[in-house]
Amino acid sequence: GDIAQILDRNGSVISEVVIDKVTTRSVTTEC
């Protein structure tokens, strides 16, 4: 449910997505 920003190599925001799932090793976004 948290909102995450996807950043490019320069740290600029490309887009925003919602975090869909969090496991012990990874995060999955709604995309």
PDB file of all heavy atoms in Angstrom:
ATOM      1  N   GLY A   1       0.799  -1.220   0.000  1.00  0.00           N
ATOM      2  CA  GLY A   1       0.000   0.000   0.000  1.00  0.00           C
ATOM      3  C   GLY A   1       0.828   1.264   0.000  1.00  0.00           C
ATOM      4  O   GLY A   1       0.329   2.340  -0.322  1.00  0.00           O
ATOM      5  N   ASP A   2       2.116   1.177   0.368  1.00  0.00           N
ATOM      6  CA  ASP A   2       2.991   2.349   0.315  1.00  0.00           C
ATOM      7  C   ASP A   2       3.210   2.761  -1.136  1.00  0.00           C
ATOM      8  O   ASP A   2       3.206   1.928  -2.040  1.00  0.00           O
ATOM      9  CB  ASP A   2       4.358   2.046   0.941  1.00  0.00           C
ATOM     10  CG  ASP A   2       4.324   1.948   2.451  1.00  0.00           C
ATOM     11  OD1 ASP A   2       3.310   2.353   3.049  1.00  0.00           O
ATOM     12  OD2 ASP A   2       5.313   1.463   3.027  1.00  0.00           O
ATOM     13  N   ILE A   3       3.438   4.038  -1.340  1.00  0.00           N
ATOM     14  CA  ILE A   3       3.746   4.541  -2.681  1.00  0.00           C
ATOM     15  C   ILE A   3       5.257   4.604  -2.827  1.00  0.00           C
ATOM     16  O   ILE A   3       5.959   5.128  -1.959  1.00  0.00           O
ATOM     17  CB  ILE A   3       3.120   5.924  -2.924  1.00  0.00           C
ATOM     18  CG1 ILE A   3       1.606   5.818  -2.856  1.00  0.00           C
ATOM     19  CG2 ILE A   3       3.575   6.495  -4.261  1.00  0.00           C
ATOM     20  CD1 ILE A   3       0.883   7.132  -2.992  1.00  0.00           C
ATOM     21  N   ALA A   4       5.757   4.033  -3.918  1.00  0.00           N
ATOM     22  CA  ALA A   4       7.194   4.035  -4.210  1.00  0.00           C
ATOM     23  C   ALA A   4       7.439   4.825  -5.486  1.00  0.00           C
ATOM     24  O   ALA A   4       6.602   4.849  -6.385  1.00  0.00           O
ATOM     25  CB  ALA A   4       7.702   2.612  -4.370  1.00  0.00           C
ATOM     26  N   GLN A   5       8.575   5.485  -5.535  1.00  0.00           N
ATOM     27  CA  GLN A   5       8.990   6.201  -6.739  1.00  0.00           C
ATOM     28  C   GLN A   5      10.039   5.362  -7.450  1.00  0.00           C
ATOM     29  O   GLN A   5      10.973   4.873  -6.824  1.00  0.00           O
ATOM     30  CB  GLN A   5       9.577   7.561  -6.374  1.00  0.00           C
ATOM     31  CG  GLN A   5       8.581   8.484  -5.723  1.00  0.00           C
ATOM     32  CD  GLN A   5       9.214   9.773  -5.263  1.00  0.00           C
ATOM     33  OE1 GLN A   5      10.336   9.788  -4.784  1.00  0.00           O
ATOM     34  NE2 GLN A   5       8.484  10.862  -5.410  1.00  0.00           N
ATOM     35  N   ILE A   6       9.876   5.200  -8.754  1.00  0.00           N
ATOM     36  CA  ILE A   6      10.884   4.522  -9.569  1.00  0.00           C
ATOM     37  C   ILE A   6      11.850   5.599 -10.051  1.00  0.00           C
ATOM     38  O   ILE A   6      11.432   6.598 -10.641  1.00  0.00           O
ATOM     39  CB  ILE A   6      10.254   3.780 -10.759  1.00  0.00           C
ATOM     40  CG1 ILE A   6       9.280   2.706 -10.251  1.00  0.00           C
ATOM     41  CG2 ILE A   6      11.338   3.152 -11.625  1.00  0.00           C
ATOM     42  CD1 ILE A   6       8.542   1.964 -11.344  1.00  0.00           C
ATOM     43  N   LEU A   7      13.145   5.381  -9.773  1.00  0.00           N
ATOM     44  CA  LEU A   7      14.170   6.366 -10.111  1.00  0.00           C
ATOM     45  C   LEU A   7      15.081   5.858 -11.210  1.00  0.00           C
ATOM     46  O   LEU A   7      15.359   4.661 -11.289  1.00  0.00           O
ATOM     47  CB  LEU A   7      15.017   6.680  -8.873  1.00  0.00           C
ATOM     48  CG  LEU A   7      14.272   7.061  -7.601  1.00  0.00           C
ATOM     49  CD1 LEU A   7      15.256   7.235  -6.463  1.00  0.00           C
ATOM     50  CD2 LEU A   7      13.469   8.318  -7.802  1.00  0.00           C
ATOM     51  N   ASP A   8      15.569   6.779 -12.043  1.00  0.00           N
ATOM     52  CA  ASP A   8      16.539   6.399 -13.072  1.00  0.00           C
ATOM     53  C   ASP A   8      17.945   6.479 -12.491  1.00  0.00           C
ATOM     54  O   ASP A   8      18.131   6.722 -11.300  1.00  0.00           O
ATOM     55  CB  ASP A   8      16.374   7.257 -14.323  1.00  0.00           C
ATOM     56  CG  ASP A   8      16.724   8.724 -14.102  1.00  0.00           C
ATOM     57  OD1 ASP A   8      17.222   9.083 -13.009  1.00  0.00           O
ATOM     58  OD2 ASP A   8      16.500   9.526 -15.025  1.00  0.00           O
ATOM     59  N   ARG A   9      18.949   6.322 -13.325  1.00  0.00           N
ATOM     60  CA  ARG A   9      20.345   6.291 -12.860  1.00  0.00           C
ATOM     61  C   ARG A   9      20.817   7.607 -12.260  1.00  0.00           C
ATOM     62  O   ARG A   9      21.792   7.646 -11.518  1.00  0.00           O
ATOM     63  CB  ARG A   9      21.262   5.889 -14.001  1.00  0.00           C
ATOM     64  CG  ARG A   9      21.213   6.876 -15.144  1.00  0.00           C
ATOM     65  CD  ARG A   9      22.053   6.467 -16.306  1.00  0.00           C
ATOM     66  NE  ARG A   9      23.432   6.797 -16.048  1.00  0.00           N
ATOM     67  CZ  ARG A   9      24.442   6.201 -16.623  1.00  0.00           C
ATOM     68  NH1 ARG A   9      24.251   5.250 -17.486  1.00  0.00           N
ATOM     69  NH2 ARG A   9      25.670   6.560 -16.343  1.00  0.00           N
ATOM     70  N   ASN A  10      20.143   8.709 -12.573  1.00  0.00           N
ATOM     71  CA  ASN A  10      20.511  10.015 -12.022  1.00  0.00           C
ATOM     72  C   ASN A  10      19.718  10.368 -10.768  1.00  0.00           C
ATOM     73  O   ASN A  10      19.874  11.456 -10.238  1.00  0.00           O
ATOM     74  CB  ASN A  10      20.310  11.098 -13.078  1.00  0.00           C
ATOM     75  CG  ASN A  10      21.201  10.875 -14.269  1.00  0.00           C
ATOM     76  OD1 ASN A  10      22.376  10.552 -14.110  1.00  0.00           O
ATOM     77  ND2 ASN A  10      20.668  11.017 -15.458  1.00  0.00           N
ATOM     78  N   GLY A  11      18.841   9.490 -10.339  1.00  0.00           N
ATOM     79  CA  GLY A  11      18.022   9.762  -9.165  1.00  0.00           C
ATOM     80  C   GLY A  11      16.770  10.547  -9.468  1.00  0.00           C
ATOM     81  O   GLY A  11      16.089  11.003  -8.554  1.00  0.00           O
ATOM     82  N   SER A  12      16.440  10.720 -10.751  1.00  0.00           N
ATOM     83  CA  SER A  12      15.227  11.434 -11.147  1.00  0.00           C
ATOM     84  C   SER A  12      14.041  10.485 -11.136  1.00  0.00           C
ATOM     85  O   SER A  12      14.160   9.324 -11.528  1.00  0.00           O
ATOM     86  CB  SER A  12      15.382  12.017 -12.551  1.00  0.00           C
ATOM     87  OG  SER A  12      16.488  12.893 -12.584  1.00  0.00           O
ATOM     88  N   VAL A  13      12.891  10.981 -10.715  1.00  0.00           N
ATOM     89  CA  VAL A  13      11.693  10.150 -10.626  1.00  0.00           C
ATOM     90  C   VAL A  13      11.147   9.886 -12.028  1.00  0.00           C
ATOM     91  O   VAL A  13      10.894  10.815 -12.796  1.00  0.00           O
ATOM     92  CB  VAL A  13      10.615  10.831  -9.761  1.00  0.00           C
ATOM     93  CG1 VAL A  13       9.341  10.010  -9.739  1.00  0.00           C
ATOM     94  CG2 VAL A  13      11.135  11.047  -8.347  1.00  0.00           C
ATOM     95  N   ILE A  14      10.979   8.601 -12.353  1.00  0.00           N
ATOM     96  CA  ILE A  14      10.388   8.201 -13.623  1.00  0.00           C
ATOM     97  C   ILE A  14       8.877   8.078 -13.471  1.00  0.00           C
ATOM     98  O   ILE A  14       8.118   8.562 -14.294  1.00  0.00           O
ATOM     99  CB  ILE A  14      10.960   6.855 -14.108  1.00  0.00           C
ATOM    100  CG1 ILE A  14      12.460   6.965 -14.343  1.00  0.00           C
ATOM    101  CG2 ILE A  14      10.250   6.370 -15.356  1.00  0.00           C
ATOM    102  CD1 ILE A  14      13.127   5.637 -14.628  1.00  0.00           C
ATOM    103  N   SER A  15       8.456   7.405 -12.398  1.00  0.00           N
ATOM    104  CA  SER A  15       7.022   7.228 -12.144  1.00  0.00           C
ATOM    105  C   SER A  15       6.811   6.832 -10.688  1.00  0.00           C
ATOM    106  O   SER A  15       7.771   6.616  -9.947  1.00  0.00           O
ATOM    107  CB  SER A  15       6.440   6.150 -13.075  1.00  0.00           C
ATOM    108  OG  SER A  15       7.012   4.892 -12.779  1.00  0.00           O
ATOM    109  N   GLU A  16       5.561   6.755 -10.307  1.00  0.00           N
ATOM    110  CA  GLU A  16       5.191   6.320  -8.969  1.00  0.00           C
ATOM    111  C   GLU A  16       4.303   5.093  -9.082  1.00  0.00           C
ATOM    112  O   GLU A  16       3.445   5.025  -9.959  1.00  0.00           O
ATOM    113  CB  GLU A  16       4.460   7.432  -8.222  1.00  0.00           C
ATOM    114  CG  GLU A  16       5.333   8.628  -7.930  1.00  0.00           C
ATOM    115  CD  GLU A  16       4.622   9.707  -7.140  1.00  0.00           C
ATOM    116  OE1 GLU A  16       3.412   9.578  -6.883  1.00  0.00           O
ATOM    117  OE2 GLU A  16       5.295  10.681  -6.775  1.00  0.00           O
ATOM    118  N   VAL A  17       4.529   4.124  -8.203  1.00  0.00           N
ATOM    119  CA  VAL A  17       3.753   2.887  -8.195  1.00  0.00           C
ATOM    120  C   VAL A  17       3.412   2.520  -6.752  1.00  0.00           C
ATOM    121  O   VAL A  17       4.041   3.003  -5.813  1.00  0.00           O
ATOM    122  CB  VAL A  17       4.519   1.723  -8.854  1.00  0.00           C
ATOM    123  CG1 VAL A  17       4.687   1.932 -10.336  1.00  0.00           C
ATOM    124  CG2 VAL A  17       5.860   1.507  -8.191  1.00  0.00           C
ATOM    125  N   VAL A  18       2.438   1.653  -6.601  1.00  0.00           N
ATOM    126  CA  VAL A  18       2.036   1.182  -5.281  1.00  0.00           C
ATOM    127  C   VAL A  18       2.716  -0.162  -5.009  1.00  0.00           C
ATOM    128  O   VAL A  18       2.784  -1.023  -5.886  1.00  0.00           O
ATOM    129  CB  VAL A  18       0.504   1.028  -5.203  1.00  0.00           C
ATOM    130  CG1 VAL A  18       0.079   0.428  -3.878  1.00  0.00           C
ATOM    131  CG2 VAL A  18      -0.170   2.373  -5.431  1.00  0.00           C
ATOM    132  N   ILE A  19       3.236  -0.332  -3.798  1.00  0.00           N
ATOM    133  CA  ILE A  19       3.846  -1.594  -3.413  1.00  0.00           C
ATOM    134  C   ILE A  19       2.734  -2.597  -3.166  1.00  0.00           C
ATOM    135  O   ILE A  19       1.814  -2.349  -2.386  1.00  0.00           O
ATOM    136  CB  ILE A  19       4.739  -1.422  -2.172  1.00  0.00           C
ATOM    137  CG1 ILE A  19       5.933  -0.541  -2.542  1.00  0.00           C
ATOM    138  CG2 ILE A  19       5.179  -2.772  -1.624  1.00  0.00           C
ATOM    139  CD1 ILE A  19       6.843  -0.194  -1.402  1.00  0.00           C
ATOM    140  N   ASP A  20       2.823  -3.718  -3.864  1.00  0.00           N
ATOM    141  CA  ASP A  20       1.775  -4.732  -3.839  1.00  0.00           C
ATOM    142  C   ASP A  20       2.064  -5.839  -2.835  1.00  0.00           C
ATOM    143  O   ASP A  20       1.180  -6.315  -2.142  1.00  0.00           O
ATOM    144  CB  ASP A  20       1.620  -5.315  -5.250  1.00  0.00           C
ATOM    145  CG  ASP A  20       0.390  -6.158  -5.418  1.00  0.00           C
ATOM    146  OD1 ASP A  20      -0.650  -5.810  -4.849  1.00  0.00           O
ATOM    147  OD2 ASP A  20       0.477  -7.171  -6.144  1.00  0.00           O
ATOM    148  N   LYS A  21       3.334  -6.253  -2.745  1.00  0.00           N
ATOM    149  CA  LYS A  21       3.695  -7.399  -1.912  1.00  0.00           C
ATOM    150  C   LYS A  21       5.109  -7.218  -1.374  1.00  0.00           C
ATOM    151  O   LYS A  21       5.991  -6.754  -2.092  1.00  0.00           O
ATOM    152  CB  LYS A  21       3.611  -8.666  -2.761  1.00  0.00           C
ATOM    153  CG  LYS A  21       3.917  -9.946  -2.053  1.00  0.00           C
ATOM    154  CD  LYS A  21       3.779 -11.110  -3.034  1.00  0.00           C
ATOM    155  CE  LYS A  21       4.192 -12.418  -2.397  1.00  0.00           C
ATOM    156  NZ  LYS A  21       4.155 -13.519  -3.370  1.00  0.00           N
ATOM    157  N   VAL A  22       5.317  -7.586  -0.110  1.00  0.00           N
ATOM    158  CA  VAL A  22       6.640  -7.535   0.499  1.00  0.00           C
ATOM    159  C   VAL A  22       6.946  -8.917   1.063  1.00  0.00           C
ATOM    160  O   VAL A  22       6.162  -9.466   1.838  1.00  0.00           O
ATOM    161  CB  VAL A  22       6.700  -6.484   1.627  1.00  0.00           C
ATOM    162  CG1 VAL A  22       8.074  -6.475   2.273  1.00  0.00           C
ATOM    163  CG2 VAL A  22       6.346  -5.105   1.110  1.00  0.00           C
ATOM    164  N   THR A  23       8.064  -9.513   0.640  1.00  0.00           N
ATOM    165  CA  THR A  23       8.500 -10.803   1.174  1.00  0.00           C
ATOM    166  C   THR A  23       9.808 -10.591   1.933  1.00  0.00           C
ATOM    167  O   THR A  23      10.279  -9.456   2.056  1.00  0.00           O
ATOM    168  CB  THR A  23       8.705 -11.838   0.051  1.00  0.00           C
ATOM    169  OG1 THR A  23       9.791 -11.409  -0.780  1.00  0.00           O
ATOM    170  CG2 THR A  23       7.447 -12.003  -0.795  1.00  0.00           C
ATOM    171  N   THR A  24      10.397 -11.657   2.407  1.00  0.00           N
ATOM    172  CA  THR A  24      11.640 -11.532   3.174  1.00  0.00           C
ATOM    173  C   THR A  24      12.825 -11.085   2.326  1.00  0.00           C
ATOM    174  O   THR A  24      13.791 -10.558   2.859  1.00  0.00           O
ATOM    175  CB  THR A  24      12.002 -12.868   3.848  1.00  0.00           C
ATOM    176  OG1 THR A  24      12.118 -13.871   2.850  1.00  0.00           O
ATOM    177  CG2 THR A  24      10.962 -13.263   4.865  1.00  0.00           C
ATOM    178  N   ARG A  25      12.749 -11.254   0.993  1.00  0.00           N
ATOM    179  CA  ARG A  25      13.875 -10.898   0.129  1.00  0.00           C
ATOM    180  C   ARG A  25      13.559  -9.896  -0.964  1.00  0.00           C
ATOM    181  O   ARG A  25      14.470  -9.355  -1.583  1.00  0.00           O
ATOM    182  CB  ARG A  25      14.427 -12.165  -0.530  1.00  0.00           C
ATOM    183  CG  ARG A  25      14.934 -13.147   0.507  1.00  0.00           C
ATOM    184  CD  ARG A  25      15.411 -14.394  -0.133  1.00  0.00           C
ATOM    185  NE  ARG A  25      16.736 -14.161  -0.707  1.00  0.00           N
ATOM    186  CZ  ARG A  25      17.369 -15.051  -1.427  1.00  0.00           C
ATOM    187  NH1 ARG A  25      16.822 -16.206  -1.693  1.00  0.00           N
ATOM    188  NH2 ARG A  25      18.556 -14.797  -1.895  1.00  0.00           N
ATOM    189  N   SER A  26      12.270  -9.667  -1.243  1.00  0.00           N
ATOM    190  CA  SER A  26      11.950  -8.788  -2.370  1.00  0.00           C
ATOM    191  C   SER A  26      10.657  -8.012  -2.145  1.00  0.00           C
ATOM    192  O   SER A  26       9.871  -8.328  -1.262  1.00  0.00           O
ATOM    193  CB  SER A  26      11.842  -9.594  -3.665  1.00  0.00           C
ATOM    194  OG  SER A  26      10.735 -10.462  -3.615  1.00  0.00           O
ATOM    195  N   VAL A  27      10.483  -7.007  -2.982  1.00  0.00           N
ATOM    196  CA  VAL A  27       9.283  -6.167  -2.999  1.00  0.00           C
ATOM    197  C   VAL A  27       8.709  -6.270  -4.404  1.00  0.00           C
ATOM    198  O   VAL A  27       9.443  -6.193  -5.388  1.00  0.00           O
ATOM    199  CB  VAL A  27       9.654  -4.696  -2.689  1.00  0.00           C
ATOM    200  CG1 VAL A  27       8.458  -3.785  -2.860  1.00  0.00           C
ATOM    201  CG2 VAL A  27      10.243  -4.563  -1.306  1.00  0.00           C
ATOM    202  N   THR A  28       7.391  -6.439  -4.504  1.00  0.00           N
ATOM    203  CA  THR A  28       6.728  -6.457  -5.805  1.00  0.00           C
ATOM    204  C   THR A  28       5.809  -5.247  -5.881  1.00  0.00           C
ATOM    205  O   THR A  28       5.061  -4.977  -4.947  1.00  0.00           O
ATOM    206  CB  THR A  28       5.902  -7.748  -5.991  1.00  0.00           C
ATOM    207  OG1 THR A  28       6.761  -8.872  -5.795  1.00  0.00           O
ATOM    208  CG2 THR A  28       5.297  -7.808  -7.387  1.00  0.00           C
ATOM    209  N   THR A  29       5.888  -4.519  -6.996  1.00  0.00           N
ATOM    210  CA  THR A  29       5.014  -3.365  -7.182  1.00  0.00           C
ATOM    211  C   THR A  29       3.838  -3.759  -8.065  1.00  0.00           C
ATOM    212  O   THR A  29       3.848  -4.810  -8.698  1.00  0.00           O
ATOM    213  CB  THR A  29       5.792  -2.191  -7.820  1.00  0.00           C
ATOM    214  OG1 THR A  29       6.479  -2.637  -8.980  1.00  0.00           O
ATOM    215  CG2 THR A  29       6.803  -1.616  -6.837  1.00  0.00           C
ATOM    216  N   GLU A  30       2.823  -2.888  -8.109  1.00  0.00           N
ATOM    217  CA  GLU A  30       1.606  -3.215  -8.851  1.00  0.00           C
ATOM    218  C   GLU A  30       1.857  -3.414 -10.342  1.00  0.00           C
ATOM    219  O   GLU A  30       1.068  -4.071 -11.009  1.00  0.00           O
ATOM    220  CB  GLU A  30       0.550  -2.139  -8.632  1.00  0.00           C
ATOM    221  CG  GLU A  30       0.925  -0.791  -9.222  1.00  0.00           C
ATOM    222  CD  GLU A  30      -0.107   0.283  -8.972  1.00  0.00           C
ATOM    223  OE1 GLU A  30      -1.157  -0.019  -8.400  1.00  0.00           O
ATOM    224  OE2 GLU A  30       0.150   1.425  -9.357  1.00  0.00           O
ATOM    225  N   CYS A  31       2.978  -2.913 -10.858  1.00  0.00           N
ATOM    226  CA  CYS A  31       3.299  -3.095 -12.271  1.00  0.00           C
ATOM    227  C   CYS A  31       3.880  -4.490 -12.530  1.00  0.00           C
ATOM    228  O   CYS A  31       4.107  -4.860 -13.669  1.00  0.00           O
ATOM    229  CB  CYS A  31       4.262  -2.013 -12.749  1.00  0.00           C
ATOM    230  SG  CYS A  31       5.834  -1.972 -11.889  1.00  0.00           S
TER     231      CYS A  31
END
